Every structure is written in structure tokens, then in C-alpha cells.
């Protein structure tokens, strides 16, 4: 299996707004795992997480690649 590391910037500036990277931990029977999301502040991150909980779905297919859009 060919594995590559994914590098995420701690801060991204989009349309003049600074978005910070926030870690989100979740627990399963297999252990504790993490995902990351960008938000303007912690309150915004909490709102995004709530929206994810309510609307997220797993896409069909496997991840084919990562493309930077900065």
C-alpha cells in the first residue's frame, strides 16, 4: 500500500478571514480517532461540528487524491 502524509496548514486566509484548524476527536469500539476542520473561531467550529452531526454522509467510492485549492 502506498501511503502519503497529508499536511494541513494551521491557518488559512480565505477572502480576508483567518480560518484556524480545530481537531475533533470521536470514540468508537475500535478506539479514539480524530478529524480536523477549519473555522473562524471555537464557537464557529462547534457550529460546524453540530451541522456535520446532523447532515454528514459518507461519499461513494474511495479517496482518489488530494488537491490543494489555495
N, C-alpha and C. Protein backbone atom coordinates (compact mmCIF):
# COMPACT_ATOMS: atom_id res chain seq x y z
N UNK A 1 0.84 -1.17 0.00
CA UNK A 1 0.00 0.00 0.00
C UNK A 1 0.89 1.24 0.00
N UNK A 2 0.61 2.17 -0.89
CA UNK A 2 1.37 3.41 -0.98
C UNK A 2 0.68 4.47 -0.11
N UNK A 3 1.33 4.87 0.97
CA UNK A 3 0.75 5.87 1.88
C UNK A 3 1.53 7.17 1.79
N UNK A 4 0.81 8.28 1.81
CA UNK A 4 1.41 9.61 1.82
C UNK A 4 0.84 10.38 2.99
N UNK A 5 1.66 11.20 3.57
CA UNK A 5 1.18 12.06 4.65
C UNK A 5 0.42 13.24 4.04
N UNK A 6 -0.57 13.68 4.76
CA UNK A 6 -1.33 14.86 4.36
C UNK A 6 -0.94 15.99 5.29
N UNK A 7 -0.49 17.08 4.73
CA UNK A 7 -0.07 18.25 5.51
C UNK A 7 -1.18 19.29 5.50
N UNK A 8 -1.57 19.75 6.67
CA UNK A 8 -2.60 20.78 6.78
C UNK A 8 -2.00 22.02 7.41
N UNK A 9 -2.29 23.17 6.83
CA UNK A 9 -1.85 24.43 7.42
C UNK A 9 -2.67 24.70 8.67
N UNK A 10 -2.03 25.22 9.71
CA UNK A 10 -2.77 25.54 10.94
C UNK A 10 -3.73 26.71 10.73
N UNK A 11 -3.40 27.58 9.79
CA UNK A 11 -4.21 28.76 9.50
C UNK A 11 -4.33 28.91 7.99
N UNK A 12 -5.52 29.28 7.53
CA UNK A 12 -5.74 29.58 6.12
C UNK A 12 -6.50 30.91 6.05
N UNK A 13 -6.10 31.77 5.15
CA UNK A 13 -6.80 33.04 4.96
C UNK A 13 -7.65 32.92 3.71
N UNK A 14 -8.96 33.11 3.89
CA UNK A 14 -9.91 33.00 2.78
C UNK A 14 -10.75 34.26 2.76
N UNK A 15 -10.71 34.97 1.64
CA UNK A 15 -11.45 36.23 1.50
C UNK A 15 -11.19 37.18 2.67
N UNK A 16 -9.93 37.22 3.11
CA UNK A 16 -9.54 38.13 4.17
C UNK A 16 -9.83 37.64 5.58
N UNK A 17 -10.49 36.50 5.72
CA UNK A 17 -10.80 35.93 7.03
C UNK A 17 -9.80 34.83 7.37
N UNK A 18 -9.36 34.81 8.61
CA UNK A 18 -8.40 33.79 9.06
C UNK A 18 -9.16 32.59 9.63
N UNK A 19 -8.98 31.44 9.02
CA UNK A 19 -9.59 30.19 9.45
C UNK A 19 -8.51 29.36 10.14
N UNK A 20 -8.81 28.88 11.34
CA UNK A 20 -7.86 28.06 12.09
C UNK A 20 -8.29 26.60 12.04
N UNK A 21 -7.32 25.74 12.20
CA UNK A 21 -7.58 24.30 12.20
C UNK A 21 -7.95 23.86 13.61
N UNK A 22 -9.07 23.14 13.74
CA UNK A 22 -9.53 22.63 15.03
C UNK A 22 -9.62 21.11 14.96
N UNK A 23 -9.04 20.42 15.96
CA UNK A 23 -9.16 18.96 15.99
C UNK A 23 -10.49 18.54 16.61
N UNK A 24 -11.06 17.49 16.07
CA UNK A 24 -12.30 16.92 16.59
C UNK A 24 -12.02 15.44 16.88
N UNK A 25 -12.20 15.02 18.11
CA UNK A 25 -11.99 13.62 18.49
C UNK A 25 -13.33 12.91 18.61
N UNK A 26 -13.34 11.63 18.25
CA UNK A 26 -14.54 10.82 18.43
C UNK A 26 -14.13 9.41 18.81
N UNK A 27 -14.99 8.75 19.58
CA UNK A 27 -14.68 7.42 20.08
C UNK A 27 -15.56 6.38 19.42
N UNK A 28 -14.94 5.24 19.11
CA UNK A 28 -15.67 4.10 18.57
C UNK A 28 -15.22 2.87 19.35
N UNK A 29 -15.76 1.73 19.02
CA UNK A 29 -15.33 0.49 19.66
C UNK A 29 -13.87 0.19 19.34
N UNK A 30 -13.38 0.70 18.21
CA UNK A 30 -12.00 0.45 17.78
C UNK A 30 -11.00 1.39 18.44
N UNK A 31 -11.47 2.46 19.08
CA UNK A 31 -10.58 3.41 19.73
C UNK A 31 -11.01 4.84 19.50
N UNK A 32 -10.13 5.77 19.86
CA UNK A 32 -10.39 7.20 19.67
C UNK A 32 -9.68 7.67 18.41
N UNK A 33 -10.40 8.40 17.59
CA UNK A 33 -9.88 8.89 16.31
C UNK A 33 -10.08 10.40 16.23
N UNK A 34 -9.43 11.02 15.25
CA UNK A 34 -9.52 12.47 15.08
C UNK A 34 -9.79 12.83 13.63
N UNK A 35 -10.51 13.90 13.45
CA UNK A 35 -10.65 14.57 12.16
C UNK A 35 -10.37 16.04 12.45
N UNK A 36 -10.22 16.83 11.43
CA UNK A 36 -9.88 18.24 11.59
C UNK A 36 -10.81 19.07 10.73
N UNK A 37 -11.14 20.25 11.22
CA UNK A 37 -11.94 21.16 10.41
C UNK A 37 -11.43 22.58 10.60
N UNK A 38 -11.67 23.40 9.60
CA UNK A 38 -11.29 24.80 9.66
C UNK A 38 -12.50 25.64 10.07
N UNK A 39 -12.26 26.60 10.95
CA UNK A 39 -13.32 27.50 11.40
C UNK A 39 -12.69 28.84 11.79
N UNK A 40 -13.52 29.85 11.89
CA UNK A 40 -13.04 31.20 12.22
C UNK A 40 -12.69 31.31 13.70
N UNK A 41 -13.44 30.62 14.55
CA UNK A 41 -13.15 30.59 15.98
C UNK A 41 -13.75 29.31 16.57
N UNK A 42 -13.57 29.11 17.87
CA UNK A 42 -14.04 27.88 18.51
C UNK A 42 -15.57 27.75 18.44
N UNK A 43 -16.27 28.85 18.63
CA UNK A 43 -17.74 28.82 18.54
C UNK A 43 -18.18 28.41 17.13
N UNK A 44 -17.52 28.94 16.13
CA UNK A 44 -17.81 28.59 14.75
C UNK A 44 -17.51 27.11 14.51
N UNK A 45 -16.40 26.62 15.07
CA UNK A 45 -16.05 25.20 14.94
C UNK A 45 -17.14 24.32 15.56
N UNK A 46 -17.67 24.73 16.71
CA UNK A 46 -18.74 23.97 17.36
C UNK A 46 -20.00 23.95 16.49
N UNK A 47 -20.30 25.07 15.84
CA UNK A 47 -21.46 25.13 14.96
C UNK A 47 -21.28 24.23 13.74
N UNK A 48 -20.09 24.22 13.17
CA UNK A 48 -19.80 23.35 12.04
C UNK A 48 -19.92 21.89 12.45
N UNK A 49 -19.39 21.55 13.63
CA UNK A 49 -19.47 20.17 14.12
C UNK A 49 -20.93 19.75 14.29
N UNK A 50 -21.76 20.60 14.84
CA UNK A 50 -23.17 20.29 15.00
C UNK A 50 -23.83 20.04 13.64
N UNK A 51 -23.50 20.88 12.67
CA UNK A 51 -24.05 20.71 11.33
C UNK A 51 -23.57 19.39 10.71
N UNK A 52 -22.30 19.06 10.94
CA UNK A 52 -21.78 17.77 10.46
C UNK A 52 -22.55 16.61 11.07
N UNK A 53 -22.78 16.67 12.37
CA UNK A 53 -23.51 15.60 13.06
C UNK A 53 -24.89 15.40 12.45
N UNK A 54 -25.52 16.49 12.04
CA UNK A 54 -26.88 16.42 11.52
C UNK A 54 -26.97 16.07 10.04
N UNK A 55 -25.91 16.36 9.26
CA UNK A 55 -26.06 16.25 7.81
C UNK A 55 -25.00 15.40 7.10
N UNK A 56 -23.94 15.00 7.78
CA UNK A 56 -22.83 14.32 7.11
C UNK A 56 -23.23 12.94 6.58
N UNK A 57 -22.73 12.61 5.40
CA UNK A 57 -22.89 11.29 4.81
C UNK A 57 -21.55 10.88 4.20
N UNK A 58 -21.31 9.59 4.18
CA UNK A 58 -20.10 9.06 3.57
C UNK A 58 -20.27 9.02 2.06
N UNK A 59 -19.31 9.60 1.33
CA UNK A 59 -19.38 9.59 -0.13
C UNK A 59 -19.16 8.18 -0.66
N UNK A 60 -19.69 7.93 -1.85
CA UNK A 60 -19.44 6.67 -2.53
C UNK A 60 -18.01 6.66 -3.05
N UNK A 61 -17.38 5.51 -3.08
CA UNK A 61 -16.04 5.37 -3.64
C UNK A 61 -14.96 5.71 -2.65
N UNK A 62 -13.72 5.44 -3.07
CA UNK A 62 -12.54 5.68 -2.26
C UNK A 62 -11.93 7.03 -2.61
N UNK A 63 -11.14 7.56 -1.69
CA UNK A 63 -10.41 8.80 -1.94
C UNK A 63 -9.36 8.54 -3.01
N UNK A 64 -9.44 9.27 -4.10
CA UNK A 64 -8.52 9.06 -5.21
C UNK A 64 -7.29 9.95 -5.11
N UNK A 65 -7.42 11.08 -4.42
CA UNK A 65 -6.29 12.00 -4.31
C UNK A 65 -6.69 13.25 -3.53
N UNK A 66 -5.70 14.04 -3.23
CA UNK A 66 -5.89 15.29 -2.51
C UNK A 66 -5.42 16.42 -3.42
N UNK A 67 -6.24 17.43 -3.59
CA UNK A 67 -5.87 18.56 -4.41
C UNK A 67 -5.94 19.82 -3.56
N UNK A 68 -4.86 20.58 -3.55
CA UNK A 68 -4.86 21.85 -2.82
C UNK A 68 -5.60 22.87 -3.66
N UNK A 69 -6.35 23.73 -2.97
CA UNK A 69 -7.08 24.76 -3.71
C UNK A 69 -6.72 26.15 -3.21
N UNK A 70 -5.45 26.31 -2.77
CA UNK A 70 -5.04 27.63 -2.29
C UNK A 70 -4.28 28.40 -3.33
